[in-house]
Amino acid sequence: MDNMKKEGDYITLGQFLKVMDYVQSGGEAKHLIHTFSIQVNGENENRRGKKLYPGDQVVINGNMHEISEEDAD
C-alpha cells in the first residue's frame, strides 16, 4: 500500500491519478477511470471530481493507496 500525502482539505480523484503518475492529463484520467476498476473506500468510483479525504483508501487495478495528511513541521 502506498500513502499519498496531501495539502488542503481534499484532493480530487483526477488530481490524485496525476500526482501518483498514473496519468498526465485530465483527459487521460477520465479514460483510465472508465477503463479500469477504481474503488474508493470499497465502492466503485467513476467520477474524476470525487473528493478524496485523509484516511480514504483508493484501489486502482489491485493497487491500494491511502490518502494521508501532510506532516505538520
PDB file of N, CA and C in Angstrom:
ATOM      1  N   MET A   1       0.842  -1.165   0.000  1.00  0.00           N
ATOM      2  CA  MET A   1       0.000   0.000   0.000  1.00  0.00           C
ATOM      3  C   MET A   1       0.892   1.233   0.000  1.00  0.00           C
ATOM      4  N   ASP A   2       0.576   2.174  -0.869  1.00  0.00           N
ATOM      5  CA  ASP A   2       1.290   3.448  -0.935  1.00  0.00           C
ATOM      6  C   ASP A   2       0.476   4.507  -0.213  1.00  0.00           C
ATOM      7  N   ASN A   3       1.150   5.380   0.522  1.00  0.00           N
ATOM      8  CA  ASN A   3       0.491   6.524   1.140  1.00  0.00           C
ATOM      9  C   ASN A   3       0.757   7.751   0.297  1.00  0.00           C
ATOM     10  N   MET A   4      -0.260   8.559   0.118  1.00  0.00           N
ATOM     11  CA  MET A   4      -0.135   9.796  -0.644  1.00  0.00           C
ATOM     12  C   MET A   4      -0.463  10.931   0.300  1.00  0.00           C
ATOM     13  N   LYS A   5       0.504  11.796   0.582  1.00  0.00           N
ATOM     14  CA  LYS A   5       0.267  12.928   1.471  1.00  0.00           C
ATOM     15  C   LYS A   5      -0.288  14.084   0.658  1.00  0.00           C
ATOM     16  N   LYS A   6      -1.247  14.790   1.227  1.00  0.00           N
ATOM     17  CA  LYS A   6      -1.880  15.891   0.520  1.00  0.00           C
ATOM     18  C   LYS A   6      -1.890  17.131   1.386  1.00  0.00           C
ATOM     19  N   GLU A   7      -2.003  18.266   0.731  1.00  0.00           N
ATOM     20  CA  GLU A   7      -2.153  19.536   1.424  1.00  0.00           C
ATOM     21  C   GLU A   7      -3.563  20.033   1.158  1.00  0.00           C
ATOM     22  N   GLY A   8      -4.181  20.692   2.134  1.00  0.00           N
ATOM     23  CA  GLY A   8      -5.541  21.172   1.972  1.00  0.00           C
ATOM     24  C   GLY A   8      -6.525  20.148   2.501  1.00  0.00           C
ATOM     25  N   ASP A   9      -7.816  20.435   2.285  1.00  0.00           N
ATOM     26  CA  ASP A   9      -8.863  19.580   2.828  1.00  0.00           C
ATOM     27  C   ASP A   9      -9.051  18.286   2.048  1.00  0.00           C
ATOM     28  N   TYR A  10      -8.889  18.346   0.742  1.00  0.00           N
ATOM     29  CA  TYR A  10      -9.133  17.170  -0.091  1.00  0.00           C
ATOM     30  C   TYR A  10      -8.341  17.275  -1.385  1.00  0.00           C
ATOM     31  N   ILE A  11      -8.327  16.164  -2.129  1.00  0.00           N
ATOM     32  CA  ILE A  11      -7.772  16.127  -3.475  1.00  0.00           C
ATOM     33  C   ILE A  11      -8.786  15.363  -4.320  1.00  0.00           C
ATOM     34  N   THR A  12      -8.974  15.769  -5.567  1.00  0.00           N
ATOM     35  CA  THR A  12      -9.923  15.042  -6.409  1.00  0.00           C
ATOM     36  C   THR A  12      -9.266  13.769  -6.943  1.00  0.00           C
ATOM     37  N   LEU A  13     -10.089  12.836  -7.346  1.00  0.00           N
ATOM     38  CA  LEU A  13      -9.574  11.583  -7.893  1.00  0.00           C
ATOM     39  C   LEU A  13      -8.706  11.851  -9.121  1.00  0.00           C
ATOM     40  N   GLY A  14      -9.119  12.768  -9.982  1.00  0.00           N
ATOM     41  CA  GLY A  14      -8.322  13.108 -11.163  1.00  0.00           C
ATOM     42  C   GLY A  14      -6.956  13.658 -10.797  1.00  0.00           C
ATOM     43  N   GLN A  15      -6.910  14.558  -9.800  1.00  0.00           N
ATOM     44  CA  GLN A  15      -5.635  15.110  -9.344  1.00  0.00           C
ATOM     45  C   GLN A  15      -4.768  14.013  -8.733  1.00  0.00           C
ATOM     46  N   PHE A  16      -5.401  13.140  -7.966  1.00  0.00           N
ATOM     47  CA  PHE A  16      -4.693  12.030  -7.334  1.00  0.00           C
ATOM     48  C   PHE A  16      -4.020  11.151  -8.388  1.00  0.00           C
ATOM     49  N   LEU A  17      -4.739  10.839  -9.454  1.00  0.00           N
ATOM     50  CA  LEU A  17      -4.177   9.999 -10.513  1.00  0.00           C
ATOM     51  C   LEU A  17      -2.970  10.661 -11.167  1.00  0.00           C
ATOM     52  N   LYS A  18      -3.005  11.991 -11.296  1.00  0.00           N
ATOM     53  CA  LYS A  18      -1.862  12.715 -11.870  1.00  0.00           C
ATOM     54  C   LYS A  18      -0.679  12.717 -10.911  1.00  0.00           C
ATOM     55  N   VAL A  19      -0.927  13.002  -9.637  1.00  0.00           N
ATOM     56  CA  VAL A  19       0.146  13.047  -8.632  1.00  0.00           C
ATOM     57  C   VAL A  19       0.832  11.689  -8.506  1.00  0.00           C
ATOM     58  N   MET A  20       0.064  10.621  -8.609  1.00  0.00           N
ATOM     59  CA  MET A  20       0.609   9.271  -8.462  1.00  0.00           C
ATOM     60  C   MET A  20       1.180   8.735  -9.778  1.00  0.00           C
ATOM     61  N   ASP A  21       1.241   9.566 -10.807  1.00  0.00           N
ATOM     62  CA  ASP A  21       1.813   9.227 -12.118  1.00  0.00           C
ATOM     63  C   ASP A  21       1.086   8.102 -12.851  1.00  0.00           C
ATOM     64  N   TYR A  22      -0.209   7.980 -12.607  1.00  0.00           N
ATOM     65  CA  TYR A  22      -0.999   7.047 -13.406  1.00  0.00           C
ATOM     66  C   TYR A  22      -1.336   7.682 -14.748  1.00  0.00           C
ATOM     67  N   VAL A  23      -1.516   9.016 -14.758  1.00  0.00           N
ATOM     68  CA  VAL A  23      -1.875   9.744 -15.975  1.00  0.00           C
ATOM     69  C   VAL A  23      -1.128  11.072 -16.010  1.00  0.00           C
ATOM     70  N   GLN A  24      -1.150  11.719 -17.182  1.00  0.00           N
ATOM     71  CA  GLN A  24      -0.502  13.015 -17.345  1.00  0.00           C
ATOM     72  C   GLN A  24      -1.502  14.162 -17.492  1.00  0.00           C
ATOM     73  N   SER A  25      -2.757  13.849 -17.829  1.00  0.00           N
ATOM     74  CA  SER A  25      -3.744  14.904 -18.073  1.00  0.00           C
ATOM     75  C   SER A  25      -5.115  14.481 -17.556  1.00  0.00           C
ATOM     76  N   GLY A  26      -6.008  15.465 -17.485  1.00  0.00           N
ATOM     77  CA  GLY A  26      -7.370  15.182 -17.059  1.00  0.00           C
ATOM     78  C   GLY A  26      -8.095  14.256 -18.023  1.00  0.00           C
ATOM     79  N   GLY A  27      -7.828  14.405 -19.313  1.00  0.00           N
ATOM     80  CA  GLY A  27      -8.435  13.523 -20.312  1.00  0.00           C
ATOM     81  C   GLY A  27      -8.000  12.080 -20.135  1.00  0.00           C
ATOM     82  N   GLU A  28      -6.719  11.898 -19.838  1.00  0.00           N
ATOM     83  CA  GLU A  28      -6.218  10.545 -19.572  1.00  0.00           C
ATOM     84  C   GLU A  28      -6.847   9.989 -18.299  1.00  0.00           C
ATOM     85  N   ALA A  29      -7.038  10.852 -17.303  1.00  0.00           N
ATOM     86  CA  ALA A  29      -7.657  10.417 -16.045  1.00  0.00           C
ATOM     87  C   ALA A  29      -9.080   9.932 -16.310  1.00  0.00           C
ATOM     88  N   LYS A  30      -9.823  10.682 -17.099  1.00  0.00           N
ATOM     89  CA  LYS A  30     -11.198  10.307 -17.431  1.00  0.00           C
ATOM     90  C   LYS A  30     -11.229   8.943 -18.118  1.00  0.00           C
ATOM     91  N   HIS A  31     -10.328   8.743 -19.074  1.00  0.00           N
ATOM     92  CA  HIS A  31     -10.256   7.473 -19.792  1.00  0.00           C
ATOM     93  C   HIS A  31      -9.897   6.330 -18.836  1.00  0.00           C
ATOM     94  N   LEU A  32      -8.909   6.537 -17.978  1.00  0.00           N
ATOM     95  CA  LEU A  32      -8.482   5.495 -17.040  1.00  0.00           C
ATOM     96  C   LEU A  32      -9.618   5.126 -16.093  1.00  0.00           C
ATOM     97  N   ILE A  33     -10.339   6.135 -15.593  1.00  0.00           N
ATOM     98  CA  ILE A  33     -11.435   5.891 -14.651  1.00  0.00           C
ATOM     99  C   ILE A  33     -12.523   5.041 -15.291  1.00  0.00           C
ATOM    100  N   HIS A  34     -12.786   5.253 -16.570  1.00  0.00           N
ATOM    101  CA  HIS A  34     -13.840   4.496 -17.244  1.00  0.00           C
ATOM    102  C   HIS A  34     -13.346   3.170 -17.816  1.00  0.00           C
ATOM    103  N   THR A  35     -12.034   2.952 -17.845  1.00  0.00           N
ATOM    104  CA  THR A  35     -11.471   1.730 -18.413  1.00  0.00           C
ATOM    105  C   THR A  35     -11.102   0.707 -17.344  1.00  0.00           C
ATOM    106  N   PHE A  36     -10.536   1.180 -16.239  1.00  0.00           N
ATOM    107  CA  PHE A  36     -10.052   0.282 -15.196  1.00  0.00           C
ATOM    108  C   PHE A  36     -10.969   0.315 -13.983  1.00  0.00           C
ATOM    109  N   SER A  37     -10.839  -0.705 -13.146  1.00  0.00           N
ATOM    110  CA  SER A  37     -11.593  -0.773 -11.904  1.00  0.00           C
ATOM    111  C   SER A  37     -10.932   0.125 -10.864  1.00  0.00           C
ATOM    112  N   ILE A  38     -11.670   1.135 -10.410  1.00  0.00           N
ATOM    113  CA  ILE A  38     -11.181   2.021  -9.354  1.00  0.00           C
ATOM    114  C   ILE A  38     -12.212   2.014  -8.238  1.00  0.00           C
ATOM    115  N   GLN A  39     -11.732   1.780  -7.023  1.00  0.00           N
ATOM    116  CA  GLN A  39     -12.608   1.790  -5.859  1.00  0.00           C
ATOM    117  C   GLN A  39     -12.103   2.806  -4.850  1.00  0.00           C
ATOM    118  N   VAL A  40     -13.043   3.501  -4.231  1.00  0.00           N
ATOM    119  CA  VAL A  40     -12.735   4.422  -3.138  1.00  0.00           C
ATOM    120  C   VAL A  40     -13.502   3.918  -1.926  1.00  0.00           C
ATOM    121  N   ASN A  41     -12.763   3.547  -0.895  1.00  0.00           N
ATOM    122  CA  ASN A  41     -13.360   3.009   0.332  1.00  0.00           C
ATOM    123  C   ASN A  41     -14.301   1.840   0.037  1.00  0.00           C
ATOM    124  N   GLY A  42     -13.889   0.965  -0.882  1.00  0.00           N
ATOM    125  CA  GLY A  42     -14.646  -0.241  -1.191  1.00  0.00           C
ATOM    126  C   GLY A  42     -15.789  -0.064  -2.171  1.00  0.00           C
ATOM    127  N   GLU A  43     -16.027   1.156  -2.639  1.00  0.00           N
ATOM    128  CA  GLU A  43     -17.110   1.428  -3.585  1.00  0.00           C
ATOM    129  C   GLU A  43     -16.525   1.745  -4.958  1.00  0.00           C
ATOM    130  N   ASN A  44     -17.126   1.176  -6.014  1.00  0.00           N
ATOM    131  CA  ASN A  44     -16.685   1.508  -7.366  1.00  0.00           C
ATOM    132  C   ASN A  44     -16.876   3.001  -7.607  1.00  0.00           C
ATOM    133  N   GLU A  45     -15.901   3.624  -8.249  1.00  0.00           N
ATOM    134  CA  GLU A  45     -15.958   5.071  -8.479  1.00  0.00           C
ATOM    135  C   GLU A  45     -15.650   5.375  -9.933  1.00  0.00           C
ATOM    136  N   ASN A  46     -16.462   6.257 -10.547  1.00  0.00           N
ATOM    137  CA  ASN A  46     -16.233   6.634 -11.941  1.00  0.00           C
ATOM    138  C   ASN A  46     -16.270   8.146 -12.151  1.00  0.00           C
ATOM    139  N   ARG A  47     -16.147   8.914 -11.053  1.00  0.00           N
ATOM    140  CA  ARG A  47     -16.170  10.377 -11.152  1.00  0.00           C
ATOM    141  C   ARG A  47     -14.768  10.941 -10.944  1.00  0.00           C
ATOM    142  N   ARG A  48     -14.282  11.651 -11.929  1.00  0.00           N
ATOM    143  CA  ARG A  48     -12.955  12.260 -11.849  1.00  0.00           C
ATOM    144  C   ARG A  48     -12.898  13.311 -10.743  1.00  0.00           C
ATOM    145  N   GLY A  49     -14.019  13.956 -10.451  1.00  0.00           N
ATOM    146  CA  GLY A  49     -14.078  15.004  -9.435  1.00  0.00           C
ATOM    147  C   GLY A  49     -14.357  14.509  -8.028  1.00  0.00           C
ATOM    148  N   LYS A  50     -14.412  13.194  -7.837  1.00  0.00           N
ATOM    149  CA  LYS A  50     -14.654  12.635  -6.500  1.00  0.00           C
ATOM    150  C   LYS A  50     -13.617  13.180  -5.528  1.00  0.00           C
ATOM    151  N   LYS A  51     -14.072  13.738  -4.404  1.00  0.00           N
ATOM    152  CA  LYS A  51     -13.168  14.309  -3.408  1.00  0.00           C
ATOM    153  C   LYS A  51     -12.627  13.208  -2.506  1.00  0.00           C
ATOM    154  N   LEU A  52     -11.314  13.185  -2.362  1.00  0.00           N
ATOM    155  CA  LEU A  52     -10.644  12.213  -1.503  1.00  0.00           C
ATOM    156  C   LEU A  52     -10.120  12.941  -0.274  1.00  0.00           C
ATOM    157  N   TYR A  53     -10.407  12.382   0.894  1.00  0.00           N
ATOM    158  CA  TYR A  53     -10.022  12.987   2.167  1.00  0.00           C
ATOM    159  C   TYR A  53      -9.021  12.089   2.887  1.00  0.00           C
ATOM    160  N   PRO A  54      -8.303  12.645   3.876  1.00  0.00           N
ATOM    161  CA  PRO A  54      -7.365  11.813   4.644  1.00  0.00           C
ATOM    162  C   PRO A  54      -8.070  10.578   5.207  1.00  0.00           C
ATOM    163  N   GLY A  55      -7.405   9.439   5.074  1.00  0.00           N
ATOM    164  CA  GLY A  55      -7.963   8.171   5.533  1.00  0.00           C
ATOM    165  C   GLY A  55      -8.674   7.391   4.448  1.00  0.00           C
ATOM    166  N   ASP A  56      -9.028   8.048   3.339  1.00  0.00           N
ATOM    167  CA  ASP A  56      -9.675   7.340   2.233  1.00  0.00           C
ATOM    168  C   ASP A  56      -8.697   6.351   1.613  1.00  0.00           C
ATOM    169  N   GLN A  57      -9.225   5.203   1.218  1.00  0.00           N
ATOM    170  CA  GLN A  57      -8.416   4.190   0.539  1.00  0.00           C
ATOM    171  C   GLN A  57      -8.867   4.097  -0.909  1.00  0.00           C
ATOM    172  N   VAL A  58      -7.897   4.135  -1.808  1.00  0.00           N
ATOM    173  CA  VAL A  58      -8.164   4.079  -3.242  1.00  0.00           C
ATOM    174  C   VAL A  58      -7.478   2.837  -3.797  1.00  0.00           C
ATOM    175  N   VAL A  59      -8.243   2.000  -4.495  1.00  0.00           N
ATOM    176  CA  VAL A  59      -7.684   0.806  -5.128  1.00  0.00           C
ATOM    177  C   VAL A  59      -7.801   0.991  -6.634  1.00  0.00           C
ATOM    178  N   ILE A  60      -6.642   0.955  -7.303  1.00  0.00           N
ATOM    179  CA  ILE A  60      -6.588   1.120  -8.754  1.00  0.00           C
ATOM    180  C   ILE A  60      -5.975  -0.133  -9.340  1.00  0.00           C
ATOM    181  N   ASN A  61      -6.802  -0.895 -10.053  1.00  0.00           N
ATOM    182  CA  ASN A  61      -6.317  -2.110 -10.701  1.00  0.00           C
ATOM    183  C   ASN A  61      -5.575  -3.024  -9.721  1.00  0.00           C
ATOM    184  N   GLY A  62      -6.090  -3.136  -8.495  1.00  0.00           N
ATOM    185  CA  GLY A  62      -5.499  -4.018  -7.490  1.00  0.00           C
ATOM    186  C   GLY A  62      -4.441  -3.383  -6.611  1.00  0.00           C
ATOM    187  N   ASN A  63      -4.016  -2.154  -6.919  1.00  0.00           N
ATOM    188  CA  ASN A  63      -3.002  -1.457  -6.112  1.00  0.00           C
ATOM    189  C   ASN A  63      -3.688  -0.512  -5.136  1.00  0.00           C
ATOM    190  N   MET A  64      -3.430  -0.711  -3.827  1.00  0.00           N
ATOM    191  CA  MET A  64      -4.076   0.115  -2.813  1.00  0.00           C
ATOM    192  C   MET A  64      -3.214   1.311  -2.427  1.00  0.00           C
ATOM    193  N   HIS A  65      -3.877   2.459  -2.294  1.00  0.00           N
ATOM    194  CA  HIS A  65      -3.237   3.700  -1.858  1.00  0.00           C
ATOM    195  C   HIS A  65      -4.099   4.289  -0.747  1.00  0.00           C
ATOM    196  N   GLU A  66      -3.462   4.968   0.201  1.00  0.00           N
ATOM    197  CA  GLU A  66      -4.213   5.641   1.259  1.00  0.00           C
ATOM    198  C   GLU A  66      -3.860   7.121   1.267  1.00  0.00           C
ATOM    199  N   ILE A  67      -4.888   7.951   1.402  1.00  0.00           N
ATOM    200  CA  ILE A  67      -4.696   9.396   1.464  1.00  0.00           C
ATOM    201  C   ILE A  67      -4.355   9.757   2.906  1.00  0.00           C
ATOM    202  N   SER A  68      -3.282  10.534   3.107  1.00  0.00           N
ATOM    203  CA  SER A  68      -2.904  10.939   4.462  1.00  0.00           C
ATOM    204  C   SER A  68      -2.638  12.438   4.506  1.00  0.00           C
ATOM    205  N   GLU A  69      -2.711  13.007   5.700  1.00  0.00           N
ATOM    206  CA  GLU A  69      -2.448  14.438   5.900  1.00  0.00           C
ATOM    207  C   GLU A  69      -0.977  14.732   5.649  1.00  0.00           C
ATOM    208  N   GLU A  70      -0.683  15.923   5.179  1.00  0.00           N
ATOM    209  CA  GLU A  70       0.702  16.374   5.056  1.00  0.00           C
ATOM    210  C   GLU A  70       1.256  16.548   6.460  1.00  0.00           C
ATOM    211  N   ASP A  71       2.447  16.050   6.698  1.00  0.00           N
ATOM    212  CA  ASP A  71       3.058  16.193   8.016  1.00  0.00           C
ATOM    213  C   ASP A  71       3.222  17.664   8.358  1.00  0.00           C
ATOM    214  N   ALA A  72       2.815  18.038   9.561  1.00  0.00           N
ATOM    215  CA  ALA A  72       2.964  19.427  10.011  1.00  0.00           C
ATOM    216  C   ALA A  72       4.319  19.590  10.667  1.00  0.00           C
ATOM    217  N   ASP A  73       5.198  20.331  10.032  1.00  0.00           N
ATOM    218  CA  ASP A  73       6.538  20.559  10.597  1.00  0.00           C
ATOM    219  C   ASP A  73       6.705  21.999  10.998  1.00  0.00           C
TER     220      ASP A  73
END
